[in-house]
Amino acid sequence: MAVPRAGRTPRPASAAPAARYWLGVVVTVTAIVSQYFVPQLVPGSRVVYGNLPGDLLVVYGVPIVAFSLLAGAAPLRNWSRRARVAVREGFAWYGALSILALVVILVLGFFYATFDPAALKLLTRPNPALEQAEGNPWFFVGFSFVVGAVEETIFRGWIFGYWRERPGSWVVPALWTSALFAGVHLYYATTYGIATPLIFPELFFAGLAFATTYQFSGGNLVIPALLHGAQDATAYLTLVSPLWQDIGLATHYTIILGGGLLFLVLYLRDREPPPEPSGAVATGAAFEVPGARGAFPPVGQTEGERMSSTQRPSGPS
């Protein structure tokens, strides 16, 4: 993470008071999880919740209106900035953290197989997100990118973006907002029960990859939205036909493996010590390495990009 130039205090991504921000978070979570209990508690509400437009109005419309009024558009102002950096960081972190998610799932699967193998049978239940798309999977393939854009605007743009340039480490907000993103997918818990921990790592680490991309790109939302949409779209492709199922799975894992390889290449490149200038004399002066204040330094960032982000935290690519 680039460190601001000494003597300059970065402008916060959002100037909204904390109380208004937290109210927006509460309204958002309430609106999203309401789809799981309101129709059962208030049967008349099924007029709204029982169809796609009504669900979208509540689950996405209410949070957008709430944050627009309470926090404003400041966290979204750099939504298209530094696209080249966002592509590199997005693919690298999405690939690396998706591989980490697979490792976590394999470890959890080993413990389930050892101590509670019957729980693994719960994973054979139909995926509720895919069930609703069986009648028109191509619509949901395309609609995935709309959902990806909306969810990234809400979770990375407003909920995480509020903390992007505020004092303290950005990693803690990235972790808890990613956990929140995974947690609001309650339909997995109601479907898979005790086996749900095998589902959530993929959601959590995907959210963390999107937050990291947003952070290191200075607020870009386009690339996280496209990666988010691609992740969902490849899942819906499995419903079209056996051929498209193979294409969807191949595309999904190609993105992951390609991103993981990119992360490895950039990491190894950054590990190479810079050549010392001829005739240089060591002075012993202390210096600060860009990224030292962040737990996850951006991979593959050139010196010019470091200087650019240091002097202009919110500048264009």
Protein backbone atom coordinates (compact mmCIF):
# COMPACT_ATOMS: atom_id res chain seq x y z
CA MET A 1 0.00 0.00 0.00
CA ALA A 2 1.40 3.36 -0.96
CA VAL A 3 2.23 5.69 1.92
CA PRO A 4 1.06 9.34 1.65
CA ARG A 5 3.79 11.94 1.34
CA ALA A 6 5.00 13.34 4.64
CA GLY A 7 3.09 16.39 5.75
CA ARG A 8 0.04 15.66 3.62
CA THR A 9 -3.12 14.21 5.16
CA PRO A 10 -5.18 12.26 2.63
CA ARG A 11 -8.75 13.29 2.17
CA PRO A 12 -11.03 10.57 3.60
CA ALA A 13 -13.00 8.62 1.04
CA SER A 14 -16.14 9.56 2.96
CA ALA A 15 -16.71 12.54 5.22
CA ALA A 16 -19.96 11.12 6.60
CA PRO A 17 -20.16 10.90 10.41
CA ALA A 18 -19.61 7.44 11.84
CA ALA A 19 -23.15 7.27 13.24
CA ARG A 20 -24.65 7.76 9.77
CA TYR A 21 -22.28 5.18 8.30
CA TRP A 22 -23.20 2.53 10.87
CA LEU A 23 -26.88 3.29 10.38
CA GLY A 24 -26.36 2.62 6.68
CA VAL A 25 -24.68 -0.71 7.49
CA VAL A 26 -27.55 -1.73 9.79
CA VAL A 27 -30.18 -0.77 7.21
CA THR A 28 -28.28 -2.68 4.52
CA VAL A 29 -27.90 -5.88 6.53
CA THR A 30 -31.51 -5.72 7.67
CA ALA A 31 -32.77 -5.24 4.11
CA ILE A 32 -30.71 -8.16 2.80
CA VAL A 33 -31.54 -10.68 5.52
CA SER A 34 -35.21 -9.63 5.60
CA GLN A 35 -35.84 -11.87 2.59
CA TYR A 36 -35.18 -14.90 4.80
CA PHE A 37 -37.68 -14.21 7.58
CA VAL A 38 -40.15 -11.43 6.66
CA PRO A 39 -42.19 -13.54 4.15
CA GLN A 40 -42.63 -16.21 6.85
CA LEU A 41 -43.55 -13.72 9.58
CA VAL A 42 -45.74 -11.50 7.40
CA PRO A 43 -47.42 -13.60 4.69
CA GLY A 44 -48.81 -10.49 2.98
CA SER A 45 -45.26 -9.33 2.24
CA ARG A 46 -44.86 -12.14 -0.28
CA VAL A 47 -46.41 -9.81 -2.82
CA VAL A 48 -43.08 -7.99 -2.69
CA TYR A 49 -40.65 -10.78 -1.79
CA GLY A 50 -42.19 -13.45 -3.98
CA ASN A 51 -40.82 -12.12 -7.28
CA LEU A 52 -37.46 -11.00 -8.65
CA PRO A 53 -38.26 -7.27 -9.06
CA GLY A 54 -39.60 -7.07 -5.51
CA ASP A 55 -36.62 -8.91 -4.07
CA LEU A 56 -34.21 -6.63 -5.91
CA LEU A 57 -36.07 -3.53 -4.74
CA VAL A 58 -35.70 -4.53 -1.10
CA VAL A 59 -32.29 -6.27 -1.11
CA TYR A 60 -30.47 -3.75 -3.33
CA GLY A 61 -32.72 -0.71 -3.65
CA VAL A 62 -33.03 -0.01 0.07
CA PRO A 63 -29.25 -0.15 0.76
CA ILE A 64 -28.48 2.07 -2.25
CA VAL A 65 -30.99 4.70 -1.16
CA ALA A 66 -29.84 4.47 2.47
CA PHE A 67 -26.15 4.92 1.73
CA SER A 68 -26.80 7.60 -0.87
CA LEU A 69 -28.60 9.66 1.75
CA LEU A 70 -26.42 8.81 4.74
CA ALA A 71 -22.90 8.60 3.28
CA GLY A 72 -23.12 10.23 -0.14
CA ALA A 73 -21.15 9.30 -3.23
CA ALA A 74 -17.66 10.15 -1.95
CA PRO A 75 -16.50 6.52 -1.54
CA LEU A 76 -17.51 5.86 -5.16
CA ARG A 77 -15.76 8.83 -6.73
CA ASN A 78 -12.79 6.78 -8.04
CA TRP A 79 -14.90 3.91 -9.39
CA SER A 80 -13.09 3.83 -12.75
CA ARG A 81 -9.65 5.17 -11.78
CA ARG A 82 -6.32 3.38 -12.26
CA ALA A 83 -7.79 0.60 -14.35
CA ARG A 84 -4.42 -0.92 -15.28
CA VAL A 85 -3.41 -1.26 -11.63
CA ALA A 86 -6.87 -2.62 -10.76
CA VAL A 87 -6.63 -5.31 -13.46
CA ARG A 88 -3.23 -6.47 -12.25
CA GLU A 89 -4.06 -6.38 -8.55
CA GLY A 90 -7.55 -7.78 -9.11
CA PHE A 91 -6.52 -10.85 -11.05
CA ALA A 92 -3.49 -11.51 -8.85
CA TRP A 93 -5.31 -11.26 -5.52
CA TYR A 94 -8.46 -12.99 -6.77
CA GLY A 95 -6.41 -15.91 -8.01
CA ALA A 96 -4.20 -16.17 -4.95
CA LEU A 97 -7.00 -15.85 -2.40
CA SER A 98 -9.28 -18.21 -4.34
CA ILE A 99 -6.53 -20.83 -4.20
CA LEU A 100 -6.21 -20.16 -0.47
CA ALA A 101 -9.97 -20.64 -0.15
CA LEU A 102 -9.70 -24.01 -1.90
CA VAL A 103 -6.95 -25.04 0.53
CA VAL A 104 -9.09 -24.03 3.51
CA ILE A 105 -12.05 -25.96 2.09
CA LEU A 106 -9.89 -29.06 1.59
CA VAL A 107 -8.63 -28.87 5.17
CA LEU A 108 -12.17 -28.44 6.50
CA GLY A 109 -13.33 -31.27 4.28
CA PHE A 110 -10.68 -33.54 5.78
CA PHE A 111 -11.93 -32.77 9.30
CA TYR A 112 -15.54 -33.34 8.26
CA ALA A 113 -14.62 -36.64 6.62
CA THR A 114 -12.79 -37.69 9.80
CA PHE A 115 -15.20 -36.57 12.50
CA ASP A 116 -18.62 -36.13 10.86
CA PRO A 117 -18.72 -37.73 7.40
CA ALA A 118 -22.54 -37.70 7.38
CA ALA A 119 -22.46 -33.89 7.23
CA LEU A 120 -20.80 -34.02 3.82
CA LYS A 121 -23.99 -35.51 2.39
CA LEU A 122 -25.71 -32.19 3.02
CA LEU A 123 -23.62 -30.69 0.21
CA THR A 124 -25.59 -32.77 -2.29
CA ARG A 125 -28.61 -30.54 -1.71
CA PRO A 126 -29.44 -28.22 -4.63
CA ASN A 127 -27.81 -24.81 -4.59
CA PRO A 128 -30.67 -22.35 -3.90
CA ALA A 129 -29.05 -19.62 -6.01
CA LEU A 130 -28.88 -21.95 -9.01
CA GLU A 131 -32.35 -23.42 -8.51
CA GLN A 132 -34.07 -20.12 -9.23
CA ALA A 133 -32.15 -19.81 -12.51
CA GLU A 134 -33.01 -23.20 -13.97
CA GLY A 135 -35.87 -21.83 -16.08
CA ASN A 136 -33.77 -19.18 -17.82
CA PRO A 137 -30.05 -19.66 -17.10
CA TRP A 138 -28.84 -17.34 -19.88
CA PHE A 139 -30.69 -14.43 -18.30
CA PHE A 140 -28.89 -15.03 -15.03
CA VAL A 141 -25.53 -15.41 -16.79
CA GLY A 142 -25.89 -11.86 -18.08
CA PHE A 143 -27.64 -10.56 -14.98
CA SER A 144 -24.69 -11.76 -12.88
CA PHE A 145 -22.69 -8.74 -14.00
CA VAL A 146 -25.46 -6.38 -12.94
CA VAL A 147 -25.60 -8.05 -9.54
CA GLY A 148 -21.82 -7.96 -9.31
CA ALA A 149 -21.76 -4.22 -9.99
CA VAL A 150 -24.49 -3.50 -7.43
CA GLU A 151 -23.02 -5.68 -4.70
CA GLU A 152 -19.52 -4.27 -5.19
CA THR A 153 -20.92 -0.75 -5.02
CA ILE A 154 -22.61 -1.56 -1.72
CA PHE A 155 -20.01 -3.74 -0.01
CA ARG A 156 -16.70 -2.48 -1.39
CA GLY A 157 -17.75 1.01 -2.43
CA TRP A 158 -19.71 2.10 0.63
CA ILE A 159 -19.21 -0.40 3.46
CA PHE A 160 -15.47 -0.96 2.97
CA GLY A 161 -14.76 2.25 1.06
CA TYR A 162 -15.70 4.34 4.09
CA TRP A 163 -12.43 3.18 5.71
CA ARG A 164 -10.09 3.35 2.71
CA GLU A 165 -8.22 6.55 3.61
CA ARG A 166 -9.01 6.81 7.29
CA PRO A 167 -6.40 6.48 10.05
CA GLY A 168 -5.32 2.99 10.98
CA SER A 169 -4.87 -0.21 9.06
CA TRP A 170 -7.31 -0.92 6.22
CA VAL A 171 -6.87 -4.67 6.74
CA VAL A 172 -9.23 -4.92 9.72
CA PRO A 173 -12.16 -3.32 7.82
CA ALA A 174 -11.30 -5.48 4.81
CA LEU A 175 -11.55 -8.62 6.96
CA TRP A 176 -14.77 -7.80 8.79
CA THR A 177 -16.56 -6.42 5.73
CA SER A 178 -15.60 -9.57 3.81
CA ALA A 179 -16.96 -11.68 6.67
CA LEU A 180 -20.15 -9.59 6.56
CA PHE A 181 -20.39 -10.11 2.80
CA ALA A 182 -20.15 -13.88 3.28
CA GLY A 183 -22.49 -13.87 6.27
CA VAL A 184 -25.44 -12.20 4.54
CA HIS A 185 -25.63 -15.17 2.17
CA LEU A 186 -27.83 -16.87 4.74
CA TYR A 187 -29.52 -19.14 2.24
CA TYR A 188 -26.40 -21.31 2.27
CA ALA A 189 -26.70 -21.76 6.03
CA THR A 190 -30.38 -22.66 5.81
CA THR A 191 -29.66 -25.10 2.98
CA TYR A 192 -26.46 -26.86 4.03
CA GLY A 193 -26.74 -26.63 7.82
CA ILE A 194 -23.70 -27.94 9.65
CA ALA A 195 -21.78 -28.23 6.36
CA THR A 196 -22.05 -24.47 5.71
CA PRO A 197 -18.41 -23.78 6.79
CA LEU A 198 -17.38 -25.56 3.60
CA ILE A 199 -19.23 -22.93 1.54
CA PHE A 200 -18.29 -19.66 3.23
CA PRO A 201 -14.48 -19.64 2.65
CA GLU A 202 -15.01 -19.05 -1.08
CA LEU A 203 -17.31 -16.10 -0.35
CA PHE A 204 -15.05 -14.63 2.33
CA PHE A 205 -11.82 -14.80 0.33
CA ALA A 206 -13.53 -13.50 -2.81
CA GLY A 207 -14.77 -10.50 -0.82
CA LEU A 208 -11.27 -10.00 0.60
CA ALA A 209 -9.78 -10.09 -2.92
CA PHE A 210 -12.29 -7.48 -4.12
CA ALA A 211 -11.57 -5.25 -1.10
CA THR A 212 -7.82 -5.55 -1.67
CA THR A 213 -8.25 -4.60 -5.32
CA TYR A 214 -10.35 -1.59 -4.35
CA GLN A 215 -7.73 -0.53 -1.80
CA PHE A 216 -4.62 -0.83 -3.96
CA SER A 217 -6.22 0.71 -7.03
CA GLY A 218 -7.34 3.77 -5.08
CA GLY A 219 -11.05 2.97 -5.22
CA ASN A 220 -11.63 1.20 -8.55
CA LEU A 221 -14.93 -0.70 -8.57
CA VAL A 222 -15.08 -1.77 -12.23
CA ILE A 223 -12.61 -4.65 -11.95
CA PRO A 224 -14.02 -6.07 -8.68
CA ALA A 225 -17.50 -5.88 -10.25
CA LEU A 226 -16.36 -7.73 -13.39
CA LEU A 227 -14.58 -10.43 -11.38
CA HIS A 228 -17.60 -10.78 -9.13
CA GLY A 229 -19.92 -11.04 -12.11
CA ALA A 230 -17.67 -13.56 -13.85
CA GLN A 231 -17.61 -15.75 -10.74
CA ASP A 232 -21.41 -15.89 -10.64
CA ALA A 233 -21.84 -16.15 -14.42
CA THR A 234 -19.60 -19.20 -14.71
CA ALA A 235 -21.72 -20.90 -12.05
CA TYR A 236 -24.93 -20.21 -13.99
CA LEU A 237 -23.32 -21.53 -17.18
CA THR A 238 -23.33 -24.98 -15.60
CA LEU A 239 -27.13 -24.98 -15.96
CA VAL A 240 -27.21 -24.36 -19.72
CA SER A 241 -25.92 -27.69 -21.06
CA PRO A 242 -23.12 -30.19 -20.38
CA LEU A 243 -20.94 -28.37 -22.92
CA TRP A 244 -21.50 -24.99 -21.30
CA GLN A 245 -20.99 -26.57 -17.90
CA ASP A 246 -17.50 -27.59 -18.99
CA ILE A 247 -16.88 -24.13 -20.44
CA GLY A 248 -18.06 -22.45 -17.25
CA LEU A 249 -15.89 -24.59 -14.99
CA ALA A 250 -12.88 -24.24 -17.28
CA THR A 251 -13.28 -20.46 -17.39
CA HIS A 252 -13.69 -20.21 -13.63
CA TYR A 253 -10.56 -22.19 -12.82
CA THR A 254 -8.55 -20.61 -15.64
CA ILE A 255 -9.18 -17.21 -14.07
CA ILE A 256 -8.15 -18.55 -10.66
CA LEU A 257 -5.02 -20.37 -11.83
CA GLY A 258 -4.01 -17.54 -14.15
CA GLY A 259 -4.45 -15.01 -11.36
CA GLY A 260 -2.52 -17.20 -8.94
CA LEU A 261 0.34 -17.51 -11.43
CA LEU A 262 0.31 -13.73 -11.94
CA PHE A 263 0.47 -13.23 -8.18
CA LEU A 264 3.45 -15.59 -7.95
CA VAL A 265 5.32 -13.91 -10.82
CA LEU A 266 4.74 -10.43 -9.42
CA TYR A 267 5.65 -11.51 -5.91
CA LEU A 268 8.91 -13.09 -7.04
CA ARG A 269 9.70 -10.02 -9.13
CA ASP A 270 9.16 -7.76 -6.13
CA ARG A 271 11.45 -9.97 -4.05
CA GLU A 272 14.40 -9.27 -6.35
CA PRO A 273 16.70 -6.66 -4.76
CA PRO A 274 17.11 -3.51 -6.85
CA PRO A 275 20.54 -3.04 -8.45
CA GLU A 276 22.80 -0.74 -6.50
CA PRO A 277 23.96 2.34 -8.40
CA SER A 278 27.61 2.39 -9.37
CA GLY A 279 29.75 4.16 -6.79
CA ALA A 280 26.92 4.49 -4.29
CA VAL A 281 27.92 5.07 -0.67
CA ALA A 282 25.74 3.73 2.13
CA THR A 283 24.72 6.51 4.49
CA GLY A 284 22.71 4.49 6.99
CA ALA A 285 19.80 6.90 6.72
CA ALA A 286 16.48 5.48 7.79
CA PHE A 287 13.74 5.23 5.15
CA GLU A 288 10.19 3.99 4.91
CA VAL A 289 9.25 1.32 2.41
CA PRO A 290 5.97 1.94 0.58
CA GLY A 291 3.52 -0.67 1.82
CA ALA A 292 5.07 -0.99 5.29
CA ARG A 293 1.84 0.18 6.96
CA GLY A 294 -0.32 -2.41 5.25
CA ALA A 295 -0.38 -6.12 5.93
CA PHE A 296 -0.85 -6.85 2.23
CA PRO A 297 1.54 -4.82 0.03
CA PRO A 298 0.36 -4.43 -3.56
CA VAL A 299 2.05 -6.93 -5.87
CA GLY A 300 3.86 -5.93 -9.02
CA GLN A 301 3.75 -2.19 -8.44
CA THR A 302 6.44 -0.28 -10.30
CA GLU A 303 8.44 2.49 -8.68
CA GLY A 304 6.65 5.05 -10.83
CA GLU A 305 3.29 3.78 -9.66
CA ARG A 306 4.46 3.89 -6.07
CA MET A 307 5.51 7.49 -6.45
CA SER A 308 2.27 8.29 -8.26
CA SER A 309 0.12 6.75 -5.56
CA THR A 310 2.26 8.36 -2.87
CA GLN A 311 1.85 11.85 -4.23
CA ARG A 312 -1.65 11.50 -5.62
CA PRO A 313 -3.56 8.85 -3.61
CA SER A 314 -6.71 9.36 -5.69
CA GLY A 315 -5.14 10.22 -9.04
CA PRO A 316 -5.98 8.67 -12.40
CA SER A 317 -4.13 5.71 -13.81
